N, C-alpha and C. Protein backbone atom coordinates (compact mmCIF):
# COMPACT_ATOMS: atom_id res chain seq x y z
N GLN A 1 -2.90 34.55 5.34
CA GLN A 1 -2.74 34.42 6.77
C GLN A 1 -2.90 32.73 6.87
N VAL A 2 -3.50 32.06 5.76
CA VAL A 2 -3.71 30.81 5.92
C VAL A 2 -1.98 29.86 5.58
N THR A 3 -1.44 30.80 4.77
CA THR A 3 0.20 30.29 4.36
C THR A 3 0.79 30.29 5.93
N ASN A 4 0.94 31.31 6.37
CA ASN A 4 1.69 31.58 7.53
C ASN A 4 1.04 30.21 8.51
N LEU A 5 0.05 30.25 8.64
CA LEU A 5 -0.66 29.15 9.80
C LEU A 5 0.20 27.72 9.19
N ARG A 6 0.08 27.40 8.27
CA ARG A 6 0.54 26.47 7.96
C ARG A 6 2.06 26.01 7.79
N ALA A 7 2.77 27.46 8.03
CA ALA A 7 4.61 27.21 7.85
C ALA A 7 4.59 27.37 9.42
N THR A 8 4.06 27.61 10.46
CA THR A 8 4.19 27.61 11.90
C THR A 8 3.29 26.68 12.68
N LEU A 9 2.97 25.85 12.18
CA LEU A 9 1.99 24.80 13.08
C LEU A 9 2.91 23.98 13.88
N ALA A 10 4.10 24.01 13.48
CA ALA A 10 4.45 23.11 15.13
C ALA A 10 4.76 23.71 16.13
N ALA A 11 5.25 25.34 15.97
CA ALA A 11 5.68 25.96 16.99
C ALA A 11 3.99 26.00 17.90
N LEU A 12 2.88 26.19 16.92
CA LEU A 12 1.62 26.78 17.42
C LEU A 12 1.26 25.07 18.54
N LEU A 13 1.46 24.57 17.85
CA LEU A 13 0.67 23.08 18.47
C LEU A 13 1.17 22.15 19.35
N VAL A 14 2.44 21.96 19.39
CA VAL A 14 3.75 21.22 20.27
C VAL A 14 3.00 21.14 21.45
N ALA A 15 3.13 22.62 22.13
CA ALA A 15 2.63 22.66 23.66
C ALA A 15 1.12 22.05 23.93
N ALA A 16 0.24 22.72 23.09
CA ALA A 16 -0.94 22.41 23.33
C ALA A 16 -1.27 20.82 23.06
N ALA A 17 -0.65 19.90 22.25
CA ALA A 17 -0.99 18.90 22.20
C ALA A 17 -0.40 17.65 22.95
N LEU A 18 0.74 18.25 23.71
CA LEU A 18 1.73 17.50 24.52
C LEU A 18 0.72 17.80 26.43
N ALA A 19 0.43 18.90 25.93
CA ALA A 19 -0.49 19.22 27.51
C ALA A 19 -1.68 18.58 27.75
N ALA A 20 -2.27 18.63 26.69
CA ALA A 20 -3.62 17.79 26.77
C ALA A 20 -3.96 16.54 27.69
N PRO A 21 -4.87 16.51 28.81
CA PRO A 21 -4.94 15.27 29.48
C PRO A 21 -4.60 14.18 28.51
N SER A 22 -3.83 13.26 29.48
CA SER A 22 -3.97 11.50 28.83
C SER A 22 -5.05 10.80 28.91
N THR A 23 -5.25 9.68 27.71
CA THR A 23 -6.15 8.77 28.08
C THR A 23 -5.77 7.52 28.00
N ALA A 24 -4.36 7.20 28.46
CA ALA A 24 -3.64 6.14 28.66
C ALA A 24 -2.57 6.46 29.26
N ALA A 25 -2.40 5.43 30.36
CA ALA A 25 -1.31 5.33 31.72
C ALA A 25 0.17 5.63 31.17
N ALA A 26 -0.07 4.72 29.89
CA ALA A 26 1.64 4.48 29.16
C ALA A 26 1.75 5.72 27.97
N ALA A 27 0.90 6.16 27.69
CA ALA A 27 0.39 6.82 26.03
C ALA A 27 1.38 8.27 26.46
N PRO A 28 1.71 8.86 27.38
CA PRO A 28 2.31 10.40 27.16
C PRO A 28 3.50 10.44 26.21
N HIS A 29 4.48 9.28 27.36
CA HIS A 29 6.05 9.07 26.63
C HIS A 29 6.33 8.91 25.04
N ASP A 30 5.07 7.90 24.58
CA ASP A 30 5.52 7.45 23.49
C ASP A 30 4.52 8.24 22.64
N ALA A 31 3.68 8.42 22.92
CA ALA A 31 2.84 9.92 21.78
C ALA A 31 3.68 11.11 21.47
N GLY A 32 4.40 11.40 23.03
CA GLY A 32 5.30 12.90 23.15
C GLY A 32 6.51 12.63 22.13
N GLU A 33 7.34 11.17 22.24
CA GLU A 33 8.15 11.32 20.99
C GLU A 33 8.06 11.04 19.80
N HIS A 34 6.80 10.79 19.51
CA HIS A 34 6.47 10.32 18.33
C HIS A 34 6.35 12.08 17.92
N PHE A 35 5.36 12.83 18.39
CA PHE A 35 5.00 13.71 18.08
C PHE A 35 5.87 15.13 17.80
N ASN A 36 7.52 14.53 18.49
CA ASN A 36 8.08 15.55 18.48
C ASN A 36 8.73 15.12 17.43
N ARG A 37 9.07 14.12 17.02
CA ARG A 37 9.81 13.55 15.94
C ARG A 37 9.10 14.31 14.68
N GLY A 38 7.44 14.17 14.76
CA GLY A 38 6.80 14.67 13.53
C GLY A 38 7.00 15.80 13.47
N VAL A 39 7.46 16.79 14.41
CA VAL A 39 7.89 18.44 14.26
C VAL A 39 8.72 18.49 13.93
N GLN A 40 10.04 17.62 14.07
CA GLN A 40 11.32 18.01 13.72
C GLN A 40 11.65 17.61 12.01
N LEU A 41 10.66 16.45 11.86
CA LEU A 41 10.65 16.13 10.43
C LEU A 41 9.63 17.36 9.43
N TYR A 42 8.69 17.65 10.13
CA TYR A 42 7.90 18.99 9.18
C TYR A 42 8.85 19.88 9.15
N LYS A 43 9.72 20.38 10.18
CA LYS A 43 10.48 21.64 9.86
C LYS A 43 11.59 21.27 8.87
N GLU A 44 11.87 19.90 8.63
CA GLU A 44 13.08 19.61 7.62
C GLU A 44 12.62 19.27 6.33
N TYR A 45 10.91 19.45 5.93
CA TYR A 45 10.29 19.60 4.72
C TYR A 45 9.64 17.85 4.24
N ASP A 46 10.32 17.07 5.53
CA ASP A 46 9.95 15.99 5.37
C ASP A 46 8.64 15.37 5.64
N TYR A 47 7.90 15.66 4.80
CA TYR A 47 6.40 15.56 5.10
C TYR A 47 6.02 14.31 5.29
N ALA A 48 6.19 13.02 4.37
CA ALA A 48 5.72 12.01 4.50
C ALA A 48 6.50 11.42 5.83
N GLY A 49 7.71 11.33 6.26
CA GLY A 49 7.83 11.39 7.48
C GLY A 49 7.15 11.72 8.73
N ALA A 50 7.00 13.04 8.83
CA ALA A 50 5.92 13.90 9.58
C ALA A 50 4.90 13.27 9.55
N LEU A 51 4.26 12.72 8.85
CA LEU A 51 2.96 12.33 8.65
C LEU A 51 2.72 10.89 9.32
N VAL A 52 3.94 9.92 9.31
CA VAL A 52 3.78 8.65 10.13
C VAL A 52 4.25 8.80 11.36
N GLU A 53 4.79 10.01 11.58
CA GLU A 53 5.11 10.20 13.33
C GLU A 53 3.91 10.83 13.64
N PHE A 54 3.53 11.89 13.46
CA PHE A 54 2.10 12.46 13.77
C PHE A 54 1.09 11.38 13.96
N GLN A 55 0.54 10.18 12.88
CA GLN A 55 -0.46 9.32 12.80
C GLN A 55 -0.46 8.58 14.13
N ARG A 56 0.98 8.06 14.39
CA ARG A 56 1.70 7.29 15.20
C ARG A 56 0.91 7.94 16.53
N ALA A 57 1.50 8.73 16.83
CA ALA A 57 1.01 9.60 18.23
C ALA A 57 -0.29 10.00 18.14
N TYR A 58 -1.08 10.07 17.32
CA TYR A 58 -2.47 9.83 17.17
C TYR A 58 -3.04 8.41 17.61
N ASP A 59 -2.63 7.46 17.25
CA ASP A 59 -2.87 5.91 17.47
C ASP A 59 -2.91 5.66 19.25
N VAL A 60 -1.46 6.39 19.25
CA VAL A 60 -0.92 6.10 20.89
C VAL A 60 -2.09 6.91 21.82
N ASP A 61 -2.46 8.12 21.68
CA ASP A 61 -2.95 8.86 22.38
C ASP A 61 -3.70 9.96 21.76
N PRO A 62 -4.86 9.43 20.78
CA PRO A 62 -5.84 10.61 20.29
C PRO A 62 -5.99 11.52 20.85
N LYS A 63 -5.48 12.63 20.90
CA LYS A 63 -5.54 13.76 21.10
C LYS A 63 -5.92 14.83 19.79
N TYR A 64 -7.25 15.56 19.93
CA TYR A 64 -7.67 16.16 19.08
C TYR A 64 -6.77 17.10 18.28
N GLN A 65 -6.14 17.85 18.93
CA GLN A 65 -4.34 18.78 18.49
C GLN A 65 -4.17 18.08 17.60
N VAL A 66 -3.32 16.37 17.53
CA VAL A 66 -2.57 16.09 16.50
C VAL A 66 -2.95 15.90 15.04
N LEU A 67 -4.53 15.84 15.12
CA LEU A 67 -5.54 15.87 13.51
C LEU A 67 -4.60 17.17 12.87
N PHE A 68 -4.63 18.17 13.79
CA PHE A 68 -4.41 19.45 12.77
C PHE A 68 -3.22 19.48 12.25
N ASN A 69 -1.92 18.66 12.87
CA ASN A 69 -0.69 18.38 12.21
C ASN A 69 -0.30 17.07 11.02
N ILE A 70 -1.48 16.29 11.20
CA ILE A 70 -2.03 15.10 10.45
C ILE A 70 -2.65 15.78 9.07
N ALA A 71 -3.42 16.93 9.20
CA ALA A 71 -4.17 17.29 8.42
C ALA A 71 -3.06 18.02 7.51
N GLU A 72 -2.20 18.89 7.61
CA GLU A 72 -1.37 19.90 7.33
C GLU A 72 -0.49 19.15 6.45
N SER A 73 0.31 17.72 7.29
CA SER A 73 1.03 17.29 6.47
C SER A 73 0.40 16.46 4.94
N HIS A 74 -0.86 16.03 5.11
CA HIS A 74 -1.53 15.62 4.32
C HIS A 74 -1.78 16.93 2.83
N TYR A 75 -1.60 18.04 3.13
CA TYR A 75 -1.77 18.78 3.07
C TYR A 75 -0.63 19.14 1.79
N GLN A 76 0.60 19.42 2.46
CA GLN A 76 1.94 19.76 1.73
C GLN A 76 2.28 18.16 0.83
N LEU A 77 1.64 16.98 0.95
CA LEU A 77 2.10 15.63 0.27
C LEU A 77 0.29 15.88 -0.78
N GLN A 78 -0.16 16.97 -1.25
CA GLN A 78 -1.20 17.37 -1.92
C GLN A 78 -2.08 16.01 -2.07
N ASP A 79 -2.23 15.50 -0.83
CA ASP A 79 -3.16 14.57 -1.03
C ASP A 79 -4.55 15.32 0.24
N TYR A 80 -5.49 15.95 -0.78
CA TYR A 80 -6.12 16.88 -0.52
C TYR A 80 -7.45 16.25 -0.21
N ALA A 81 -7.68 15.26 -0.57
CA ALA A 81 -8.59 14.27 0.54
C ALA A 81 -8.87 14.41 1.41
N ASN A 82 -7.44 13.55 1.81
CA ASN A 82 -7.04 13.31 3.73
C ASN A 82 -6.91 14.24 4.06
N ALA A 83 -6.69 15.48 3.69
CA ALA A 83 -6.32 16.91 4.46
C ALA A 83 -7.56 17.32 4.87
N LEU A 84 -8.41 17.07 3.87
CA LEU A 84 -10.12 17.72 4.25
C LEU A 84 -11.01 17.02 5.29
N LYS A 85 -10.65 15.73 5.18
CA LYS A 85 -11.26 15.03 6.32
C LYS A 85 -10.40 15.35 7.53
N ALA A 86 -9.23 15.10 7.91
CA ALA A 86 -8.57 15.33 8.97
C ALA A 86 -8.66 16.57 9.25
N PHE A 87 -8.83 17.85 8.78
CA PHE A 87 -9.56 19.06 9.24
C PHE A 87 -11.13 18.73 9.85
N GLN A 88 -11.69 18.54 8.83
CA GLN A 88 -13.31 18.41 9.60
C GLN A 88 -13.15 17.75 10.99
N ARG A 89 -12.16 16.56 11.14
CA ARG A 89 -12.54 15.83 12.27
C ARG A 89 -11.95 16.45 13.24
N TYR A 90 -10.82 17.38 13.03
CA TYR A 90 -10.30 18.41 13.98
C TYR A 90 -11.26 19.35 14.90
N LEU A 91 -11.89 19.61 13.90
CA LEU A 91 -12.95 20.87 14.04
C LEU A 91 -14.40 20.05 14.94
N ASP A 92 -14.36 19.09 14.24
CA ASP A 92 -15.51 18.16 15.31
C ASP A 92 -15.34 17.70 16.57
N ASP A 93 -14.15 17.19 16.69
CA ASP A 93 -13.50 16.50 17.80
C ASP A 93 -12.60 17.61 18.66
N GLY A 94 -12.41 18.71 18.24
CA GLY A 94 -12.57 19.94 19.27
C GLY A 94 -13.33 20.67 19.78
N GLY A 95 -14.07 20.91 18.80
CA GLY A 95 -15.27 21.60 19.35
C GLY A 95 -15.34 23.19 20.14
N THR A 96 -15.63 23.03 21.15
CA THR A 96 -15.57 24.54 21.49
C THR A 96 -14.09 24.90 22.42
N GLN A 97 -13.09 23.67 22.31
CA GLN A 97 -12.13 23.89 22.84
C GLN A 97 -10.90 24.48 21.94
N ILE A 98 -11.46 24.72 20.26
CA ILE A 98 -10.55 25.50 19.44
C ILE A 98 -11.49 27.15 19.47
N PRO A 99 -10.00 27.38 19.50
CA PRO A 99 -10.32 29.31 19.69
C PRO A 99 -10.82 29.71 18.75
N ALA A 100 -11.84 30.73 18.60
CA ALA A 100 -12.03 31.28 17.33
C ALA A 100 -11.66 31.51 16.47
N LYS A 101 -10.45 32.34 16.17
CA LYS A 101 -9.55 32.59 14.98
C LYS A 101 -9.02 31.39 14.37
N ARG A 102 -8.54 30.54 15.30
CA ARG A 102 -8.24 28.87 14.71
C ARG A 102 -9.12 28.07 14.18
N ARG A 103 -10.41 28.09 14.52
CA ARG A 103 -11.44 27.84 13.99
C ARG A 103 -12.12 28.49 12.38
N LYS A 104 -11.66 29.73 12.36
CA LYS A 104 -11.98 30.50 10.94
C LYS A 104 -11.07 30.05 10.20
N ASP A 105 -9.70 30.09 10.73
CA ASP A 105 -8.50 29.91 9.79
C ASP A 105 -8.52 28.36 9.16
N VAL A 106 -8.94 27.37 9.91
CA VAL A 106 -9.17 26.10 9.50
C VAL A 106 -10.41 25.81 8.77
N GLU A 107 -11.44 27.01 8.76
CA GLU A 107 -12.60 26.67 7.58
C GLU A 107 -12.32 27.52 6.44
N ALA A 108 -11.11 28.30 6.47
CA ALA A 108 -10.89 28.50 5.12
C ALA A 108 -9.82 27.81 4.49
N GLU A 109 -9.03 26.93 5.25
CA GLU A 109 -8.07 25.75 4.55
C GLU A 109 -9.66 24.87 3.81
N ILE A 110 -10.73 24.55 4.91
CA ILE A 110 -11.31 23.68 4.01
C ILE A 110 -12.37 24.01 2.87
N ALA A 111 -12.08 25.21 3.13
CA ALA A 111 -13.16 25.88 1.48
C ALA A 111 -11.81 25.68 0.07
N THR A 112 -11.00 26.17 0.82
CA THR A 112 -9.65 25.90 0.07
C THR A 112 -9.57 24.33 -0.45
N LEU A 113 -9.59 23.51 0.45
CA LEU A 113 -9.70 21.93 -0.23
C LEU A 113 -10.72 21.35 -0.66
N SER A 114 -11.65 21.74 -0.30
CA SER A 114 -13.23 21.63 -1.14
C SER A 114 -13.54 21.65 -2.43
N LYS A 115 -12.66 22.65 -3.39
CA LYS A 115 -12.13 22.70 -4.89
C LYS A 115 -11.39 21.98 -4.99
N ARG A 116 -11.04 21.36 -4.45
CA ARG A 116 -9.68 20.33 -4.96
C ARG A 116 -9.68 18.81 -4.87
N ILE A 117 -10.81 18.54 -4.75
CA ILE A 117 -11.56 17.14 -4.60
C ILE A 117 -12.33 16.78 -5.24
N ALA A 118 -12.51 15.36 -5.85
CA ALA A 118 -13.84 14.65 -6.57
C ALA A 118 -14.47 13.62 -6.12
N THR A 119 -15.89 13.14 -6.35
CA THR A 119 -16.16 12.17 -5.74
C THR A 119 -16.10 10.88 -6.91
N LEU A 120 -16.00 9.78 -6.47
CA LEU A 120 -15.71 8.73 -7.34
C LEU A 120 -16.69 7.66 -6.88
N THR A 121 -17.69 7.02 -7.82
CA THR A 121 -18.49 5.75 -7.58
C THR A 121 -17.85 5.06 -8.58
N ILE A 122 -17.39 3.48 -7.96
CA ILE A 122 -16.74 2.57 -8.29
C ILE A 122 -17.33 1.55 -8.05
N GLN A 123 -17.43 0.79 -9.76
CA GLN A 123 -18.68 -0.69 -9.86
C GLN A 123 -17.90 -1.32 -10.19
N THR A 124 -17.94 -2.55 -9.92
CA THR A 124 -17.16 -4.03 -10.34
C THR A 124 -18.46 -4.95 -10.88
N SER A 125 -17.89 -5.60 -11.98
CA SER A 125 -18.51 -6.66 -12.57
C SER A 125 -19.23 -7.62 -11.23
N GLU A 126 -18.38 -8.25 -10.69
CA GLU A 126 -18.54 -8.83 -9.52
C GLU A 126 -18.86 -7.96 -8.05
N PRO A 127 -19.34 -8.65 -6.78
CA PRO A 127 -19.04 -8.14 -5.77
C PRO A 127 -17.95 -8.59 -4.87
N GLY A 128 -17.30 -8.15 -3.99
CA GLY A 128 -16.25 -8.93 -3.22
C GLY A 128 -15.10 -8.73 -3.77
N ALA A 129 -14.94 -7.77 -4.41
CA ALA A 129 -13.73 -7.64 -5.52
C ALA A 129 -12.52 -6.28 -4.39
N THR A 130 -11.95 -6.26 -4.30
CA THR A 130 -10.61 -5.80 -3.48
C THR A 130 -10.60 -4.80 -4.46
N VAL A 131 -10.82 -3.25 -4.09
CA VAL A 131 -10.49 -1.97 -4.84
C VAL A 131 -9.51 -1.25 -4.38
N THR A 132 -8.73 -0.49 -5.20
CA THR A 132 -7.13 0.15 -4.84
C THR A 132 -7.35 1.12 -5.47
N ILE A 133 -7.34 2.49 -5.13
CA ILE A 133 -6.85 3.84 -5.91
C ILE A 133 -5.37 4.13 -5.41
N ASP A 134 -4.91 4.59 -6.53
CA ASP A 134 -3.29 4.77 -6.61
C ASP A 134 -2.32 3.81 -5.43
N ASP A 135 -2.75 2.52 -5.88
CA ASP A 135 -2.64 1.26 -5.58
C ASP A 135 -2.43 0.81 -3.77
N ARG A 136 -3.71 1.92 -2.88
CA ARG A 136 -3.87 1.82 -1.98
C ARG A 136 -5.22 1.18 -1.59
N ALA A 137 -5.52 0.00 -0.98
CA ALA A 137 -6.80 -0.32 -0.59
C ALA A 137 -8.04 0.82 0.18
N VAL A 138 -8.94 0.82 -0.50
CA VAL A 138 -10.02 1.31 -0.05
C VAL A 138 -11.35 0.85 0.26
N GLY A 139 -10.82 -0.45 -0.08
CA GLY A 139 -12.55 -1.18 0.48
C GLY A 139 -12.76 -2.25 -0.31
N THR A 140 -14.31 -2.94 -0.03
CA THR A 140 -13.97 -4.18 -0.79
C THR A 140 -15.77 -3.84 -1.51
N SER A 141 -16.10 -3.95 -3.02
CA SER A 141 -17.20 -3.60 -3.23
C SER A 141 -18.37 -4.54 -3.05
N PRO A 142 -19.78 -3.90 -3.38
CA PRO A 142 -19.91 -2.47 -4.04
C PRO A 142 -19.64 -1.37 -2.55
N LEU A 143 -18.85 -0.41 -3.11
CA LEU A 143 -18.55 0.98 -2.04
C LEU A 143 -19.63 1.93 -2.25
N GLU A 144 -19.77 2.41 -1.57
CA GLU A 144 -20.03 4.02 -1.34
C GLU A 144 -19.15 4.91 -1.91
N PRO A 145 -19.75 6.31 -2.73
CA PRO A 145 -19.15 7.15 -3.16
C PRO A 145 -17.79 7.64 -2.46
N ILE A 146 -16.62 7.68 -3.15
CA ILE A 146 -15.63 8.13 -2.44
C ILE A 146 -14.84 9.35 -2.64
N VAL A 147 -14.55 10.38 -1.71
CA VAL A 147 -13.65 11.31 -1.80
C VAL A 147 -12.43 11.02 -2.15
N VAL A 148 -11.83 11.72 -3.44
CA VAL A 148 -10.45 11.47 -3.78
C VAL A 148 -9.76 13.26 -4.10
N SER A 149 -8.75 13.56 -4.23
CA SER A 149 -8.19 14.67 -4.52
C SER A 149 -7.93 14.67 -6.01
N SER A 150 -8.11 15.85 -6.18
CA SER A 150 -7.91 15.94 -7.88
C SER A 150 -7.14 15.29 -8.50
N GLY A 151 -6.63 15.34 -9.60
CA GLY A 151 -5.62 15.21 -10.71
C GLY A 151 -5.73 13.39 -11.08
N ARG A 152 -4.65 12.39 -11.48
CA ARG A 152 -4.85 11.86 -12.33
C ARG A 152 -4.78 10.65 -11.41
N ARG A 153 -5.96 9.67 -11.22
CA ARG A 153 -6.09 8.69 -10.30
C ARG A 153 -6.32 7.23 -10.54
N LYS A 154 -5.52 6.08 -10.52
CA LYS A 154 -5.37 4.76 -10.77
C LYS A 154 -6.21 4.26 -9.89
N ILE A 155 -7.29 3.29 -10.88
CA ILE A 155 -8.13 2.91 -9.86
C ILE A 155 -8.02 1.39 -10.64
N SER A 156 -8.02 0.23 -9.26
CA SER A 156 -7.98 -0.92 -9.61
C SER A 156 -8.95 -2.21 -8.55
N ALA A 157 -9.37 -3.20 -9.23
CA ALA A 157 -10.50 -4.00 -8.77
C ALA A 157 -9.64 -5.54 -8.70
N THR A 158 -9.86 -6.24 -7.92
CA THR A 158 -9.42 -7.48 -8.08
C THR A 158 -9.98 -8.52 -6.77
N LEU A 159 -9.97 -9.62 -7.65
CA LEU A 159 -10.25 -10.83 -6.87
C LEU A 159 -9.50 -12.15 -6.84
N PRO A 160 -9.63 -12.59 -6.08
CA PRO A 160 -8.33 -13.81 -5.68
C PRO A 160 -8.33 -14.75 -6.70
N GLY A 161 -7.13 -14.94 -7.36
CA GLY A 161 -6.94 -15.53 -8.39
C GLY A 161 -7.24 -15.41 -9.50
N ARG A 162 -7.71 -13.80 -9.78
CA ARG A 162 -7.77 -13.32 -11.12
C ARG A 162 -6.39 -11.92 -11.58
N ALA A 163 -6.67 -11.76 -12.50
CA ALA A 163 -6.07 -10.99 -12.74
C ALA A 163 -6.45 -9.35 -12.55
N PRO A 164 -6.21 -8.39 -12.10
CA PRO A 164 -6.99 -6.62 -11.74
C PRO A 164 -7.01 -6.06 -13.18
N ALA A 165 -8.83 -5.76 -12.91
CA ALA A 165 -9.13 -4.55 -13.55
C ALA A 165 -8.41 -3.09 -13.30
N THR A 166 -7.88 -2.63 -14.33
CA THR A 166 -7.46 -1.36 -14.01
C THR A 166 -7.47 -0.17 -14.86
N THR A 167 -7.76 1.09 -14.32
CA THR A 167 -7.97 2.18 -15.60
C THR A 167 -7.57 3.41 -14.50
N THR A 168 -7.35 4.43 -15.85
CA THR A 168 -7.07 5.53 -14.97
C THR A 168 -8.15 6.70 -15.55
N VAL A 169 -8.24 7.49 -14.51
CA VAL A 169 -9.32 8.83 -14.98
C VAL A 169 -8.79 10.07 -14.53
N ASP A 170 -8.96 11.16 -15.27
CA ASP A 170 -8.39 12.48 -15.04
C ASP A 170 -9.92 13.36 -14.15
N LEU A 171 -9.15 13.91 -13.10
CA LEU A 171 -10.76 14.44 -12.11
C LEU A 171 -10.27 15.81 -11.85
N ALA A 172 -10.86 16.81 -12.50
CA ALA A 172 -10.99 18.15 -12.16
C ALA A 172 -11.42 18.28 -10.39
N GLY A 173 -11.39 19.75 -9.51
CA GLY A 173 -12.20 19.75 -8.64
C GLY A 173 -13.46 20.06 -8.78
N GLY A 174 -13.97 19.21 -8.52
CA GLY A 174 -15.83 18.98 -8.16
C GLY A 174 -16.33 17.88 -8.73
N ASP A 175 -15.87 17.45 -9.42
CA ASP A 175 -16.22 16.11 -10.66
C ASP A 175 -16.56 15.08 -9.79
N LYS A 176 -17.84 14.78 -10.53
CA LYS A 176 -18.58 13.37 -9.97
C LYS A 176 -18.50 12.28 -11.07
N LYS A 177 -17.85 10.72 -11.35
CA LYS A 177 -17.65 10.14 -12.01
C LYS A 177 -18.05 8.62 -11.87
N THR A 178 -18.62 8.11 -12.16
CA THR A 178 -19.02 6.92 -12.22
C THR A 178 -17.98 5.67 -13.06
N ILE A 179 -17.16 4.94 -12.14
CA ILE A 179 -16.18 3.93 -12.98
C ILE A 179 -16.69 2.43 -12.90
N ALA A 180 -16.69 1.82 -13.94
CA ALA A 180 -16.98 0.97 -13.97
C ALA A 180 -16.04 -0.42 -14.29
N LEU A 181 -16.00 -1.35 -13.89
CA LEU A 181 -14.47 -2.08 -13.78
C LEU A 181 -14.88 -3.44 -14.11
N GLU A 182 -14.29 -3.81 -15.36
CA GLU A 182 -14.76 -5.59 -15.46
C GLU A 182 -13.84 -6.25 -15.12
N ILE A 183 -14.05 -6.90 -14.01
CA ILE A 183 -12.44 -8.29 -13.66
C ILE A 183 -12.56 -9.34 -14.43
N PRO A 184 -11.51 -9.48 -15.22
CA PRO A 184 -11.13 -10.94 -16.10
C PRO A 184 -11.60 -12.14 -15.43
N PRO A 185 -11.80 -13.20 -16.18
CA PRO A 185 -12.16 -13.83 -15.47
C PRO A 185 -11.16 -15.19 -15.07
N ALA A 186 -11.22 -15.87 -14.05
CA ALA A 186 -10.48 -16.98 -13.85
C ALA A 186 -9.43 -17.61 -14.86
N PRO A 187 -7.68 -17.77 -14.82
CA PRO A 187 -7.53 -18.59 -15.89
C PRO A 187 -8.16 -19.95 -16.12
N GLY A 188 -8.93 -20.32 -17.30
CA GLY A 188 -9.28 -21.49 -18.12
C GLY A 188 -10.68 -21.42 -17.59
N ALA A 189 -11.25 -20.46 -16.82
CA ALA A 189 -12.85 -19.92 -16.53
C ALA A 189 -13.17 -20.52 -18.15
N GLY A 190 -13.97 -21.42 -18.45
CA GLY A 190 -14.93 -21.88 -19.51
C GLY A 190 -14.39 -22.32 -20.58
N GLY A 191 -13.25 -23.05 -20.14
CA GLY A 191 -12.83 -24.03 -21.40
C GLY A 191 -11.94 -25.18 -20.88
N PRO A 192 -11.23 -25.78 -21.14
CA PRO A 192 -10.12 -26.60 -20.87
C PRO A 192 -8.94 -25.94 -20.46
N PRO A 193 -8.14 -26.27 -19.47
CA PRO A 193 -6.94 -25.57 -18.76
C PRO A 193 -5.90 -25.22 -19.90
N ALA A 194 -4.92 -24.65 -19.91
CA ALA A 194 -4.09 -23.92 -20.97
C ALA A 194 -3.38 -25.31 -20.90
N GLY A 195 -2.73 -25.61 -22.68
CA GLY A 195 -1.98 -26.97 -22.92
C GLY A 195 -2.36 -28.18 -22.78
N THR A 196 -3.73 -28.29 -22.65
CA THR A 196 -4.64 -29.55 -23.01
C THR A 196 -5.32 -29.82 -24.05
N SER A 197 -5.25 -31.32 -24.33
CA SER A 197 -6.20 -31.26 -25.41
C SER A 197 -7.66 -31.73 -24.89
N PRO A 198 -8.51 -32.12 -25.82
CA PRO A 198 -10.04 -32.23 -25.35
C PRO A 198 -10.23 -33.66 -25.61
N PRO A 199 -10.65 -34.43 -24.86
CA PRO A 199 -10.78 -35.91 -24.95
C PRO A 199 -11.53 -36.12 -26.13
N PRO A 200 -11.04 -37.46 -26.69
CA PRO A 200 -11.70 -38.40 -27.66
C PRO A 200 -12.79 -37.74 -27.77
N ASP A 201 -13.37 -38.41 -29.22
CA ASP A 201 -15.07 -38.70 -29.04
C ASP A 201 -15.11 -40.13 -28.79
N GLU A 202 -16.60 -40.53 -28.00
CA GLU A 202 -16.88 -41.29 -27.71
C GLU A 202 -16.73 -42.67 -29.37
N GLU A 203 -16.99 -43.63 -29.41
CA GLU A 203 -17.42 -44.54 -30.20
C GLU A 203 -18.41 -45.08 -30.07
């Protein structure tokens, strides 16, 4: 049943999302164009392209219905953490407007996704470092614990003018791990610049 729901999301939501009242005078036309392009791309299995269009439609005119499409696009891209977040926000923002059957189906999706995520606590040797996961910035240290998709994740932290500290970690669903990153010192820190000689001894 959940699989059928995912396969038919475009037909189920296109009318509802475009018919909902707009919050901005210029929004309906632009948001509708992006949404329709997202539907077409999703039907063609271009989930990355569909996600961009759905997200743009939501940015222009934030209707809660579009969050469902955003969640499903993340799901197809195996980005389980962001799919879970989008589904949860869909339920929160939609509230009583969401039919009972749809809410039950989405709750089933959330239950499945909850077994495909892990929690990372990332610590850096110095505060103020830019932290990335799989080359996407997630914030500046110190950070609150971050929910990520299970699998192999690449974590990096860097400060201006410094080489990044990078590691990889394999995460199973439900894991909770702490990662400590030691950021290398700036070039030449603690000694003379490379290629220079120490000053002569004074007589």
